């Protein structure tokens, strides 16, 4: 109850689920006001004010979850950019630093007319400088630049890509990323080392990398931190190399005192003050996102994700237009997609994103005991670690049941395959009722989401289809997939049974008939063939 009353993310979900009930708004608003009157000192915690939330039916204007195909395009394009930039990591710092020389990178004619001196005093032209630092392929396409004057814009484009990658993989807000300092990465102990009775270390401590807007002070962070995965670390290394190069132009000896996204305008104006450049303006000028166009399927997906919002009347999401990317969308989409097993299983998804979802599930889940200690900050007044109510970990937790429900409905109701098994037979009946018009798909969606949130239903893909069983499944862990045939929580797909029979026939042919392997495989194969004949074929005949 305490977590519900102090966490806006949890609380908003609770209100949205109940605000259509009779007298809920008036009664619950009164309860909140009464708790506020009692006060934080007596309750032991500060309750959310009713003024901070919208009760009743209001038009949904929250940032949308980015449609699947567009989100995939963003992930893969940014990943390609990062791979391109990371190849130039060793050369970019020295390349930028060389421009502290007024004549460096200028054409031969400009050097001569501006008094660089004779031939022996000539500096490399811009093209020569790129080649000598091995950056010709790096500074191409979106980062292309042909002379000294364009270099500032090119570096800002690199910083924009790094900034967007940090949003994509951490869920940090815009100002939080812009506040990052040069030394924003550190390591924390996620799981302490295990020591036996004799003092010997049996299991080493598990360390994780985190990103923070502030460094530690007097042993404690003053602001929250976020999980820093491999892609984030690589992106920050690129930004740090650019920052170190620019520091030479600013005549700064120690980059640790600088913001991570140091203003590259110093290349054009010597009087530029130390600070962060106008990355938002540069981001709008970049070409890569303009190629990600909205398709009909994207609009259908938007409508399903938020039925109460009319996207057709919003010109920003018109068919054929470039998708209007924002850091808020990336934050909400991360919380939604990272908790979705169906999305993570897409073969076109970069492996780095898949690895990140595993880490988020491990460290941002409800049952991770060090969540506040690692990603929160120390509140001196409360004398304890606090995880801010706005942290993306909380949105990730809220997004998990929604992702499970959506994956279940998309995988089952959205396909023509026949379903069998305990839950599968029930879903097949529901599908038939939806197709006949007897039942509305929105009602099925609402019921499914409610059951997932209440812990009555879960969904994971299996070899024979899917499983809705909540909690541990020993058969699943042991790989005993034929047990699914008689499980009440199983969803069996006919084509999966057929595929399994083909695979096992091929496998059994490689064993000696008298071997143990043959006997075990034969038992499993017989069960599959029997199910196919007794259940699947029977239904086909009845139809």
Protein backbone atom coordinates (compact mmCIF):
# COMPACT_ATOMS: atom_id res chain seq x y z
CA UNK A 1 0.00 0.00 0.00
CA UNK A 2 2.85 2.38 0.86
CA UNK A 3 4.48 1.81 -2.54
CA UNK A 4 1.18 2.52 -4.29
CA UNK A 5 0.54 5.76 -2.42
CA UNK A 6 4.03 7.26 -2.92
CA UNK A 7 4.91 6.13 -6.47
CA UNK A 8 3.28 8.16 -9.27
CA UNK A 9 3.84 5.45 -11.91
CA UNK A 10 2.09 2.77 -9.84
CA UNK A 11 -0.58 5.20 -8.69
CA UNK A 12 -1.43 6.44 -12.19
CA UNK A 13 -2.03 2.87 -13.36
CA UNK A 14 -4.30 2.21 -10.36
CA UNK A 15 -6.34 5.37 -11.02
CA UNK A 16 -6.66 4.67 -14.76
CA UNK A 17 -8.05 1.20 -13.99
CA UNK A 18 -10.65 2.42 -11.50
CA UNK A 19 -11.65 5.96 -12.41
CA UNK A 20 -14.68 4.82 -14.41
CA UNK A 21 -16.25 3.12 -11.40
CA UNK A 22 -19.20 4.81 -9.71
CA UNK A 23 -18.17 7.26 -6.96
CA UNK A 24 -14.48 6.23 -7.22
CA UNK A 25 -13.22 9.72 -8.06
CA UNK A 26 -15.02 11.47 -5.21
CA UNK A 27 -14.35 8.76 -2.61
CA UNK A 28 -10.70 8.19 -3.46
CA UNK A 29 -9.88 11.88 -3.79
CA UNK A 30 -11.37 12.35 -0.31
CA UNK A 31 -9.25 9.50 1.07
CA UNK A 32 -6.08 11.05 -0.36
CA UNK A 33 -6.88 14.45 1.09
CA UNK A 34 -7.57 12.83 4.47
CA UNK A 35 -4.19 11.06 4.41
CA UNK A 36 -2.50 14.34 3.50
CA UNK A 37 -4.18 15.95 6.50
CA UNK A 38 -2.80 13.23 8.78
CA UNK A 39 0.63 14.25 7.49
CA UNK A 40 3.92 12.70 6.50
CA UNK A 41 5.26 12.71 10.06
CA UNK A 42 2.49 10.47 11.43
CA UNK A 43 2.18 8.22 8.35
CA UNK A 44 5.90 7.82 7.87
CA UNK A 45 5.73 8.72 4.18
CA UNK A 46 4.43 11.45 1.88
CA UNK A 47 1.24 10.55 0.00
CA UNK A 48 0.72 11.72 -3.60
CA UNK A 49 -1.55 14.75 -3.77
CA UNK A 50 -4.85 14.35 -5.62
CA UNK A 51 -4.00 17.59 -7.43
CA UNK A 52 -1.09 15.85 -9.15
CA UNK A 53 -3.35 13.33 -10.90
CA UNK A 54 -6.19 13.62 -13.38
CA UNK A 55 -9.37 11.80 -12.31
CA UNK A 56 -12.20 10.88 -14.62
CA UNK A 57 -12.20 10.43 -18.38
CA UNK A 58 -9.53 12.65 -19.90
CA UNK A 59 -8.09 12.69 -23.37
CA UNK A 60 -4.93 10.62 -23.48
CA UNK A 61 -2.00 12.75 -24.59
CA UNK A 62 0.89 10.75 -23.17
CA UNK A 63 3.82 10.02 -25.44
CA UNK A 64 3.06 6.95 -27.55
CA UNK A 65 4.94 3.68 -27.58
CA UNK A 66 6.89 3.72 -30.85
CA UNK A 67 5.45 1.13 -33.30
CA UNK A 68 7.47 -2.07 -33.64
CA UNK A 69 8.88 -1.66 -37.16
CA UNK A 70 9.87 1.98 -36.50
CA UNK A 71 11.46 1.09 -33.16
CA UNK A 72 13.46 -1.69 -34.83
CA UNK A 73 14.61 0.80 -37.47
CA UNK A 74 15.77 3.25 -34.80
CA UNK A 75 17.65 0.57 -32.83
CA UNK A 76 19.40 -0.85 -35.89
CA UNK A 77 20.25 2.51 -37.47
CA UNK A 78 21.71 3.90 -34.24
CA UNK A 79 23.62 0.67 -33.74
CA UNK A 80 25.15 1.02 -37.22
CA UNK A 81 26.12 4.63 -36.48
CA UNK A 82 27.77 3.62 -33.21
CA UNK A 83 29.76 0.86 -34.93
CA UNK A 84 30.91 3.44 -37.49
CA UNK A 85 31.98 5.98 -34.87
CA UNK A 86 33.63 3.43 -32.59
CA UNK A 87 36.05 2.46 -35.37
CA UNK A 88 37.47 5.99 -35.18
CA UNK A 89 37.79 6.07 -31.40
CA UNK A 90 41.60 6.13 -31.43
CA UNK A 91 41.91 8.91 -33.98
CA UNK A 92 39.10 11.37 -33.27
CA UNK A 93 40.62 12.99 -30.16
CA UNK A 94 43.97 13.89 -31.76
CA UNK A 95 42.21 14.92 -34.97
CA UNK A 96 40.08 17.49 -33.14
CA UNK A 97 43.00 18.69 -30.99
CA UNK A 98 45.02 19.53 -34.09
CA UNK A 99 42.51 22.26 -34.95
CA UNK A 100 43.90 24.36 -32.11
CA UNK A 101 46.36 25.31 -34.88
CA UNK A 102 44.72 28.13 -36.84
CA UNK A 103 46.03 26.84 -40.18
CA UNK A 104 45.31 23.14 -39.69
CA UNK A 105 42.84 21.66 -42.17
CA UNK A 106 42.67 24.74 -44.37
CA UNK A 107 43.24 24.60 -48.13
CA UNK A 108 46.71 25.34 -49.50
CA UNK A 109 45.43 28.60 -50.95
CA UNK A 110 43.93 29.72 -47.60
CA UNK A 111 47.16 28.89 -45.77
CA UNK A 112 49.19 30.87 -48.27
CA UNK A 113 46.95 33.98 -48.26
CA UNK A 114 46.65 33.96 -44.44
CA UNK A 115 50.38 33.86 -43.89
CA UNK A 116 51.15 30.27 -42.89
CA UNK A 117 54.64 30.58 -44.32
CA UNK A 118 56.56 28.66 -46.96
CA UNK A 119 56.01 25.10 -48.17
CA UNK A 120 57.82 23.54 -45.18
CA UNK A 121 55.39 25.29 -42.81
CA UNK A 122 52.30 24.04 -44.61
CA UNK A 123 49.76 22.04 -42.55
CA UNK A 124 47.69 19.19 -43.95
CA UNK A 125 44.54 20.12 -45.82
CA UNK A 126 41.26 18.83 -44.40
CA UNK A 127 41.21 15.81 -46.71
CA UNK A 128 44.83 14.99 -45.85
CA UNK A 129 44.06 15.34 -42.14
CA UNK A 130 41.18 12.87 -42.37
CA UNK A 131 43.37 10.30 -44.12
CA UNK A 132 46.31 10.69 -41.74
CA UNK A 133 44.05 10.06 -38.73
CA UNK A 134 42.20 7.19 -40.44
CA UNK A 135 38.85 8.96 -40.29
CA UNK A 136 37.82 9.16 -43.97
CA UNK A 137 35.20 6.38 -43.62
CA UNK A 138 34.17 7.50 -40.15
CA UNK A 139 33.31 11.04 -41.15
CA UNK A 140 31.00 10.11 -44.00
CA UNK A 141 27.25 9.89 -44.62
CA UNK A 142 25.48 11.56 -41.65
CA UNK A 143 28.83 12.79 -40.27
CA UNK A 144 30.30 13.91 -43.59
CA UNK A 145 32.30 17.09 -43.64
CA UNK A 146 34.68 18.52 -46.23
CA UNK A 147 36.30 21.48 -44.53
CA UNK A 148 37.13 23.09 -41.22
CA UNK A 149 33.95 25.17 -41.10
CA UNK A 150 31.71 22.09 -41.24
CA UNK A 151 33.55 20.17 -38.53
CA UNK A 152 31.54 21.68 -35.67
CA UNK A 153 28.25 20.49 -37.23
CA UNK A 154 29.72 17.04 -37.86
CA UNK A 155 30.84 16.67 -34.25
CA UNK A 156 27.44 17.81 -33.01
CA UNK A 157 25.83 15.12 -35.20
CA UNK A 158 28.05 12.54 -33.47
CA UNK A 159 27.05 13.91 -30.07
CA UNK A 160 23.35 13.74 -31.08
CA UNK A 161 23.72 10.05 -31.99
CA UNK A 162 25.47 9.32 -28.68
CA UNK A 163 22.77 11.21 -26.76
CA UNK A 164 19.97 9.32 -28.53
CA UNK A 165 21.65 5.96 -27.85
CA UNK A 166 21.81 6.82 -24.14
CA UNK A 167 18.08 7.64 -24.19
CA UNK A 168 17.37 4.43 -26.11
CA UNK A 169 19.20 2.11 -23.72
CA UNK A 170 18.68 3.84 -20.34
CA UNK A 171 15.35 5.68 -20.45
CA UNK A 172 16.97 8.84 -19.07
CA UNK A 173 15.15 12.12 -19.59
CA UNK A 174 16.48 14.85 -21.87
CA UNK A 175 17.91 17.14 -19.20
CA UNK A 176 19.37 14.20 -17.30
CA UNK A 177 21.47 13.22 -20.32
CA UNK A 178 22.53 16.80 -21.02
CA UNK A 179 23.72 17.13 -17.40
CA UNK A 180 26.11 14.18 -17.72
CA UNK A 181 29.69 14.99 -16.84
CA UNK A 182 32.81 13.58 -18.47
CA UNK A 183 33.20 11.01 -15.67
CA UNK A 184 29.61 9.73 -15.63
CA UNK A 185 30.41 6.00 -15.60
CA UNK A 186 31.23 3.92 -12.55
CA UNK A 187 30.90 0.37 -11.28
CA UNK A 188 28.79 -0.93 -8.41
CA UNK A 189 28.60 -4.28 -6.65
CA UNK A 190 25.31 -5.89 -7.70
CA UNK A 191 25.83 -9.13 -5.77
CA UNK A 192 28.35 -9.37 -2.95
CA UNK A 193 31.01 -12.05 -2.95
CA UNK A 194 30.28 -15.34 -1.19
CA UNK A 195 32.73 -16.28 1.59
CA UNK A 196 32.74 -19.66 3.34
CA UNK A 197 33.31 -20.36 7.04
CA UNK A 198 37.06 -20.47 6.49
CA UNK A 199 37.20 -17.01 4.93
CA UNK A 200 37.76 -18.26 1.37
CA UNK A 201 35.93 -16.55 -1.49
CA UNK A 202 33.69 -19.09 -3.22
CA UNK A 203 31.90 -16.73 -5.62
CA UNK A 204 33.34 -13.39 -6.68
CA UNK A 205 31.25 -10.25 -6.46
CA UNK A 206 29.16 -9.42 -9.52
CA UNK A 207 29.83 -5.90 -10.76
CA UNK A 208 27.64 -3.80 -13.05
CA UNK A 209 28.31 -0.50 -14.80
CA UNK A 210 26.07 2.45 -14.02
CA UNK A 211 25.67 5.94 -15.45
CA UNK A 212 24.99 8.89 -13.17
CA UNK A 213 24.45 12.63 -13.60
CA UNK A 214 26.59 13.37 -10.55
CA UNK A 215 29.65 11.81 -9.00
CA UNK A 216 29.68 10.49 -5.44
CA UNK A 217 30.06 13.02 -2.64
CA UNK A 218 31.07 12.00 0.85
CA UNK A 219 30.54 8.37 -0.12
CA UNK A 220 26.98 8.75 -1.45
CA UNK A 221 25.43 9.74 -4.77
CA UNK A 222 23.18 12.76 -4.69
CA UNK A 223 21.09 11.63 -7.65
CA UNK A 224 19.82 8.35 -9.06
CA UNK A 225 21.72 6.21 -11.55
CA UNK A 226 20.83 3.99 -14.49
CA UNK A 227 22.04 0.66 -15.81
CA UNK A 228 24.83 1.21 -18.36
CA UNK A 229 24.95 -1.62 -20.89
CA UNK A 230 27.64 -2.29 -23.48
CA UNK A 231 26.15 0.07 -26.09
CA UNK A 232 25.90 2.91 -23.56
CA UNK A 233 29.52 2.44 -22.50
CA UNK A 234 30.70 2.46 -26.13
CA UNK A 235 28.65 5.59 -26.87
CA UNK A 236 30.04 7.42 -23.84
CA UNK A 237 33.60 6.50 -24.85
CA UNK A 238 32.97 8.17 -28.21
CA UNK A 239 31.61 11.29 -26.48
CA UNK A 240 34.58 11.34 -24.08
CA UNK A 241 37.06 11.20 -26.98
CA UNK A 242 35.30 14.17 -28.63
CA UNK A 243 35.27 16.02 -25.31
CA UNK A 244 39.03 15.48 -24.74
CA UNK A 245 39.79 16.80 -28.22
CA UNK A 246 37.66 19.92 -27.70
CA UNK A 247 39.29 20.54 -24.31
CA UNK A 248 42.55 21.33 -26.16
CA UNK A 249 40.77 24.11 -28.05
CA UNK A 250 39.26 25.42 -24.81
CA UNK A 251 42.73 25.23 -23.19
CA UNK A 252 41.37 22.95 -20.45
CA UNK A 253 43.92 20.54 -19.00
CA UNK A 254 41.52 18.29 -17.09
CA UNK A 255 38.40 17.09 -19.00
CA UNK A 256 36.91 15.70 -15.77
CA UNK A 257 35.68 19.21 -14.99
CA UNK A 258 33.72 19.39 -18.26
CA UNK A 259 30.24 18.33 -19.38
CA UNK A 260 30.24 15.18 -21.51
CA UNK A 261 28.65 16.99 -24.48
CA UNK A 262 31.07 19.92 -24.65
CA UNK A 263 30.06 22.62 -27.13
CA UNK A 264 31.87 22.14 -30.46
CA UNK A 265 31.15 25.75 -31.50
CA UNK A 266 34.65 26.56 -30.21
CA UNK A 267 35.86 25.45 -33.68
CA UNK A 268 34.04 28.45 -35.16
CA UNK A 269 34.13 31.01 -32.36
CA UNK A 270 37.13 31.32 -30.05
CA UNK A 271 35.08 33.14 -27.40
CA UNK A 272 32.66 30.20 -26.93
CA UNK A 273 32.07 29.53 -23.23
CA UNK A 274 32.43 26.06 -21.69
CA UNK A 275 29.03 24.38 -21.76
CA UNK A 276 26.70 22.11 -23.73
CA UNK A 277 25.85 22.88 -27.35
CA UNK A 278 22.40 23.13 -28.99
CA UNK A 279 22.03 19.43 -29.63
CA UNK A 280 18.25 19.62 -29.93
CA UNK A 281 18.51 21.98 -32.89
CA UNK A 282 21.17 19.85 -34.59
CA UNK A 283 19.13 16.68 -34.05
CA UNK A 284 16.19 18.14 -35.97
CA UNK A 285 18.49 18.86 -38.92
CA UNK A 286 19.82 15.30 -39.23
CA UNK A 287 18.65 13.16 -42.13
CA UNK A 288 18.63 9.61 -40.74
CA UNK A 289 15.32 9.84 -38.87
CA UNK A 290 13.53 11.40 -41.86
CA UNK A 291 13.81 8.10 -43.69
CA UNK A 292 11.72 6.26 -41.08
CA UNK A 293 8.24 6.80 -42.49
CA UNK A 294 4.88 5.97 -40.90
CA UNK A 295 3.05 3.06 -42.55
CA UNK A 296 -0.54 1.87 -42.26
CA UNK A 297 0.49 -0.97 -39.93
CA UNK A 298 2.10 1.58 -37.60
CA UNK A 299 -1.13 3.55 -37.31
CA UNK A 300 -3.07 0.35 -36.53
CA UNK A 301 -0.53 -0.51 -33.85
CA UNK A 302 -0.81 2.98 -32.35
CA UNK A 303 -4.59 2.70 -32.17
CA UNK A 304 -4.38 -0.69 -30.43
CA UNK A 305 -1.87 0.63 -27.88
CA UNK A 306 -4.08 3.61 -26.98
CA UNK A 307 -7.71 3.13 -28.20
CA UNK A 308 -8.95 6.33 -26.53
CA UNK A 309 -6.66 8.56 -28.59
CA UNK A 310 -7.51 9.62 -32.16
CA UNK A 311 -4.20 9.50 -34.01
CA UNK A 312 -5.90 10.11 -37.36
CA UNK A 313 -6.58 13.72 -36.34
CA UNK A 314 -2.99 14.34 -35.24
CA UNK A 315 -0.98 15.56 -38.23
CA UNK A 316 2.33 14.54 -36.60
CA UNK A 317 1.41 10.88 -37.09
CA UNK A 318 0.04 11.14 -40.64
CA UNK A 319 0.61 8.28 -43.08
CA UNK A 320 3.90 8.66 -45.01
CA UNK A 321 5.36 11.26 -42.66
CA UNK A 322 8.68 10.77 -40.83
CA UNK A 323 8.19 9.48 -37.29
CA UNK A 324 8.61 12.39 -34.79
CA UNK A 325 11.20 10.85 -32.45
CA UNK A 326 11.51 12.26 -28.93
CA UNK A 327 13.41 11.24 -25.80
CA UNK A 328 10.09 10.76 -23.95
CA UNK A 329 8.95 8.22 -26.55
CA UNK A 330 12.25 6.34 -26.25
CA UNK A 331 11.82 6.19 -22.48
CA UNK A 332 8.28 4.80 -22.63
CA UNK A 333 9.12 2.40 -25.47
CA UNK A 334 12.13 1.05 -23.55
CA UNK A 335 9.95 0.26 -20.53
CA UNK A 336 7.43 -1.48 -22.81
CA UNK A 337 9.61 -3.40 -25.27
CA UNK A 338 12.42 -4.40 -22.91
CA UNK A 339 9.89 -6.34 -20.85
CA UNK A 340 8.39 -8.07 -23.91
CA UNK A 341 9.74 -11.53 -24.72
CA UNK A 342 7.98 -11.47 -28.08
CA UNK A 343 9.79 -8.34 -29.22
CA UNK A 344 13.16 -9.56 -27.94
CA UNK A 345 12.78 -12.78 -29.94
CA UNK A 346 12.64 -10.94 -33.28
CA UNK A 347 15.58 -12.14 -35.40
CA UNK A 348 16.18 -8.67 -36.89
CA UNK A 349 16.74 -7.15 -33.45
CA UNK A 350 20.35 -6.37 -32.61
CA UNK A 351 21.89 -8.75 -30.07
CA UNK A 352 23.04 -5.81 -27.92
CA UNK A 353 19.42 -4.83 -27.27
CA UNK A 354 18.51 -8.42 -26.42
CA UNK A 355 21.39 -8.55 -23.93
CA UNK A 356 20.24 -5.27 -22.39
CA UNK A 357 16.73 -6.66 -21.77
CA UNK A 358 18.22 -9.57 -19.81
CA UNK A 359 20.13 -7.14 -17.60
CA UNK A 360 17.11 -4.89 -17.09
CA UNK A 361 14.95 -7.85 -16.12
CA UNK A 362 17.61 -8.94 -13.64
CA UNK A 363 18.33 -5.58 -12.01
CA UNK A 364 15.12 -3.54 -12.46
CA UNK A 365 12.66 -6.25 -11.38
CA UNK A 366 10.60 -6.02 -8.18
CA UNK A 367 12.58 -8.74 -6.44
CA UNK A 368 16.06 -7.23 -6.91
CA UNK A 369 16.98 -6.40 -3.32
CA UNK A 370 19.70 -3.85 -4.18
CA UNK A 371 17.51 -1.76 -6.50
CA UNK A 372 17.46 1.33 -4.27
CA UNK A 373 21.05 1.00 -3.10
CA UNK A 374 22.53 0.82 -6.60
CA UNK A 375 20.22 3.01 -8.67
CA UNK A 376 18.82 5.29 -5.97
CA UNK A 377 20.46 8.02 -3.90
CA UNK A 378 21.01 8.51 -0.20
CA UNK A 379 18.44 10.78 1.43
CA UNK A 380 20.13 12.39 4.43
CA UNK A 381 16.81 13.40 6.06
CA UNK A 382 15.36 9.90 5.84
CA UNK A 383 18.74 8.26 6.46
CA UNK A 384 18.09 5.70 3.75
CA UNK A 385 18.52 5.04 0.02
CA UNK A 386 15.62 6.29 -2.10
CA UNK A 387 14.68 5.37 -5.67
CA UNK A 388 13.02 8.44 -7.23
CA UNK A 389 9.43 7.91 -8.29
CA UNK A 390 10.36 8.97 -11.84
CA UNK A 391 13.02 6.27 -12.35
CA UNK A 392 12.59 4.16 -15.48
CA UNK A 393 12.90 0.96 -13.40
CA UNK A 394 9.41 1.61 -12.01
CA UNK A 395 7.98 2.14 -15.51
CA UNK A 396 9.73 -1.07 -16.57
CA UNK A 397 7.96 -2.96 -13.76
CA UNK A 398 4.59 -1.51 -14.78
CA UNK A 399 5.27 -2.33 -18.44
CA UNK A 400 5.90 -6.05 -17.82
CA UNK A 401 2.26 -7.20 -17.40
CA UNK A 402 1.17 -5.02 -20.33
CA UNK A 403 3.86 -6.56 -22.54
CA UNK A 404 2.90 -10.10 -21.48
CA UNK A 405 -0.78 -9.49 -22.23
CA UNK A 406 -0.06 -7.89 -25.60
CA UNK A 407 2.26 -10.72 -26.62
CA UNK A 408 -0.31 -13.32 -25.60
CA UNK A 409 -3.09 -11.66 -27.61
CA UNK A 410 -0.91 -10.92 -30.66
CA UNK A 411 0.50 -14.43 -30.75
CA UNK A 412 -2.83 -16.19 -30.34
CA UNK A 413 -5.78 -14.07 -31.45
CA UNK A 414 -3.84 -12.44 -34.28
CA UNK A 415 -2.95 -15.68 -36.10
CA UNK A 416 -4.95 -18.29 -38.01
CA UNK A 417 -3.32 -21.29 -36.33
CA UNK A 418 -5.54 -23.67 -34.34
CA UNK A 419 -4.94 -23.83 -30.59
CA UNK A 420 -5.14 -26.85 -28.29
CA UNK A 421 -4.27 -27.72 -24.69
CA UNK A 422 -5.84 -26.44 -21.47
CA UNK A 423 -5.60 -22.69 -22.03
CA UNK A 424 -5.26 -23.07 -25.80
CA UNK A 425 -8.75 -24.60 -26.14
CA UNK A 426 -10.22 -21.74 -24.10
CA UNK A 427 -8.42 -19.14 -26.26
CA UNK A 428 -9.67 -20.90 -29.41
CA UNK A 429 -13.26 -20.52 -28.18
CA UNK A 430 -12.64 -16.85 -27.37
CA UNK A 431 -11.18 -16.32 -30.83
CA UNK A 432 -14.30 -17.86 -32.42
CA UNK A 433 -16.55 -15.58 -30.34
CA UNK A 434 -14.56 -12.52 -31.45
CA UNK A 435 -14.73 -13.54 -35.11
CA UNK A 436 -18.50 -14.09 -34.88
CA UNK A 437 -19.02 -10.68 -33.28
CA UNK A 438 -20.35 -12.19 -30.06
CA UNK A 439 -17.37 -10.80 -28.13
CA UNK A 440 -15.43 -7.56 -28.58
CA UNK A 441 -11.62 -7.85 -28.87
CA UNK A 442 -11.27 -4.89 -26.46
CA UNK A 443 -13.09 -6.92 -23.78
CA UNK A 444 -10.76 -9.88 -24.31
CA UNK A 445 -7.78 -7.54 -24.10
CA UNK A 446 -9.03 -5.94 -20.87
CA UNK A 447 -9.77 -9.31 -19.26
CA UNK A 448 -6.36 -10.73 -20.26
CA UNK A 449 -4.49 -7.68 -18.97
CA UNK A 450 -6.41 -7.80 -15.70
CA UNK A 451 -5.57 -11.49 -15.16
CA UNK A 452 -1.87 -10.88 -15.90
CA UNK A 453 -1.71 -7.92 -13.51
CA UNK A 454 -3.45 -9.94 -10.81
CA UNK A 455 -0.87 -12.69 -11.16
CA UNK A 456 -3.44 -15.22 -12.45
CA UNK A 457 -1.87 -15.56 -15.89
CA UNK A 458 1.56 -15.41 -17.51
CA UNK A 459 2.88 -16.20 -20.97
CA UNK A 460 6.09 -17.62 -22.32
CA UNK A 461 6.87 -19.29 -25.65
CA UNK A 462 7.55 -23.04 -25.61
CA UNK A 463 8.59 -25.67 -28.14
CA UNK A 464 4.96 -26.69 -28.69
CA UNK A 465 3.40 -23.20 -28.54
CA UNK A 466 3.11 -21.33 -25.26
CA UNK A 467 2.54 -21.59 -21.53
CA UNK A 468 0.33 -19.46 -19.29
CA UNK A 469 1.33 -21.10 -16.03
CA UNK A 470 2.30 -18.68 -13.25
CA UNK A 471 5.51 -19.42 -11.38
CA UNK A 472 8.10 -22.18 -11.65
CA UNK A 473 7.67 -25.06 -14.09
CA UNK A 474 10.04 -27.96 -13.43
CA UNK A 475 9.17 -29.65 -16.74
CA UNK A 476 10.07 -26.48 -18.66
CA UNK A 477 13.39 -26.15 -16.81
CA UNK A 478 14.25 -29.81 -17.49
CA UNK A 479 13.26 -29.60 -21.16
CA UNK A 480 10.48 -32.19 -20.76
CA UNK A 481 8.27 -30.50 -23.35
CA UNK A 482 5.84 -33.43 -23.88
CA UNK A 483 4.45 -32.71 -20.40
CA UNK A 484 2.83 -29.65 -21.99
CA UNK A 485 0.38 -31.98 -23.76
CA UNK A 486 -1.50 -32.63 -20.51
CA UNK A 487 -0.89 -29.31 -18.72
CA UNK A 488 -3.87 -27.05 -17.98
CA UNK A 489 -1.79 -23.93 -18.69
CA UNK A 490 -0.52 -25.11 -22.08
CA UNK A 491 -1.27 -23.56 -25.44
CA UNK A 492 -0.52 -26.15 -28.13
CA UNK A 493 -0.22 -25.14 -31.79
CA UNK A 494 -0.88 -27.77 -34.45
CA UNK A 495 2.05 -26.76 -36.66
CA UNK A 496 4.41 -26.93 -33.68
CA UNK A 497 3.32 -30.53 -33.02
CA UNK A 498 3.96 -31.40 -36.66
CA UNK A 499 7.42 -29.78 -36.57
CA UNK A 500 8.32 -31.60 -33.35
CA UNK A 501 7.30 -34.97 -34.86
CA UNK A 502 9.49 -34.37 -37.92
CA UNK A 503 12.44 -33.37 -35.73
CA UNK A 504 12.08 -36.37 -33.41
CA UNK A 505 11.72 -38.82 -36.31
CA UNK A 506 15.02 -37.48 -37.63
CA UNK A 507 16.60 -37.74 -34.18
CA UNK A 508 15.41 -41.28 -33.44
CA UNK A 509 16.82 -42.54 -36.74
CA UNK A 510 20.32 -41.80 -35.45
CA UNK A 511 19.98 -44.07 -32.36
CA UNK A 512 20.46 -47.82 -31.95
CA UNK A 513 17.05 -49.49 -31.41
CA UNK A 514 18.16 -51.11 -28.19
CA UNK A 515 19.74 -47.94 -26.74
CA UNK A 516 18.30 -45.95 -23.84
CA UNK A 517 18.23 -42.79 -26.01
CA UNK A 518 16.05 -44.58 -28.58
CA UNK A 519 13.60 -45.83 -25.97
CA UNK A 520 13.18 -42.39 -24.31
CA UNK A 521 12.80 -40.59 -27.63
CA UNK A 522 10.30 -43.24 -28.82
CA UNK A 523 8.09 -42.67 -25.77
CA UNK A 524 8.02 -38.91 -26.37
CA UNK A 525 7.42 -39.36 -30.09
CA UNK A 526 4.50 -41.73 -29.47
CA UNK A 527 2.89 -39.16 -27.17
CA UNK A 528 3.16 -36.47 -29.85
CA UNK A 529 1.76 -38.72 -32.59
CA UNK A 530 -1.07 -39.83 -30.31
CA UNK A 531 -1.97 -36.20 -29.48
CA UNK A 532 -1.93 -35.27 -33.14
CA UNK A 533 -4.26 -38.16 -34.10
CA UNK A 534 -6.53 -38.06 -31.05
CA UNK A 535 -6.97 -34.29 -30.61
CA UNK A 536 -5.85 -32.32 -33.65
CA UNK A 537 -7.13 -34.60 -36.40
CA UNK A 538 -10.40 -35.18 -34.54
CA UNK A 539 -11.14 -31.45 -34.48
CA UNK A 540 -10.32 -31.17 -38.20
CA UNK A 541 -12.80 -33.96 -38.99
CA UNK A 542 -15.50 -32.33 -36.84
CA UNK A 543 -15.10 -29.08 -38.77
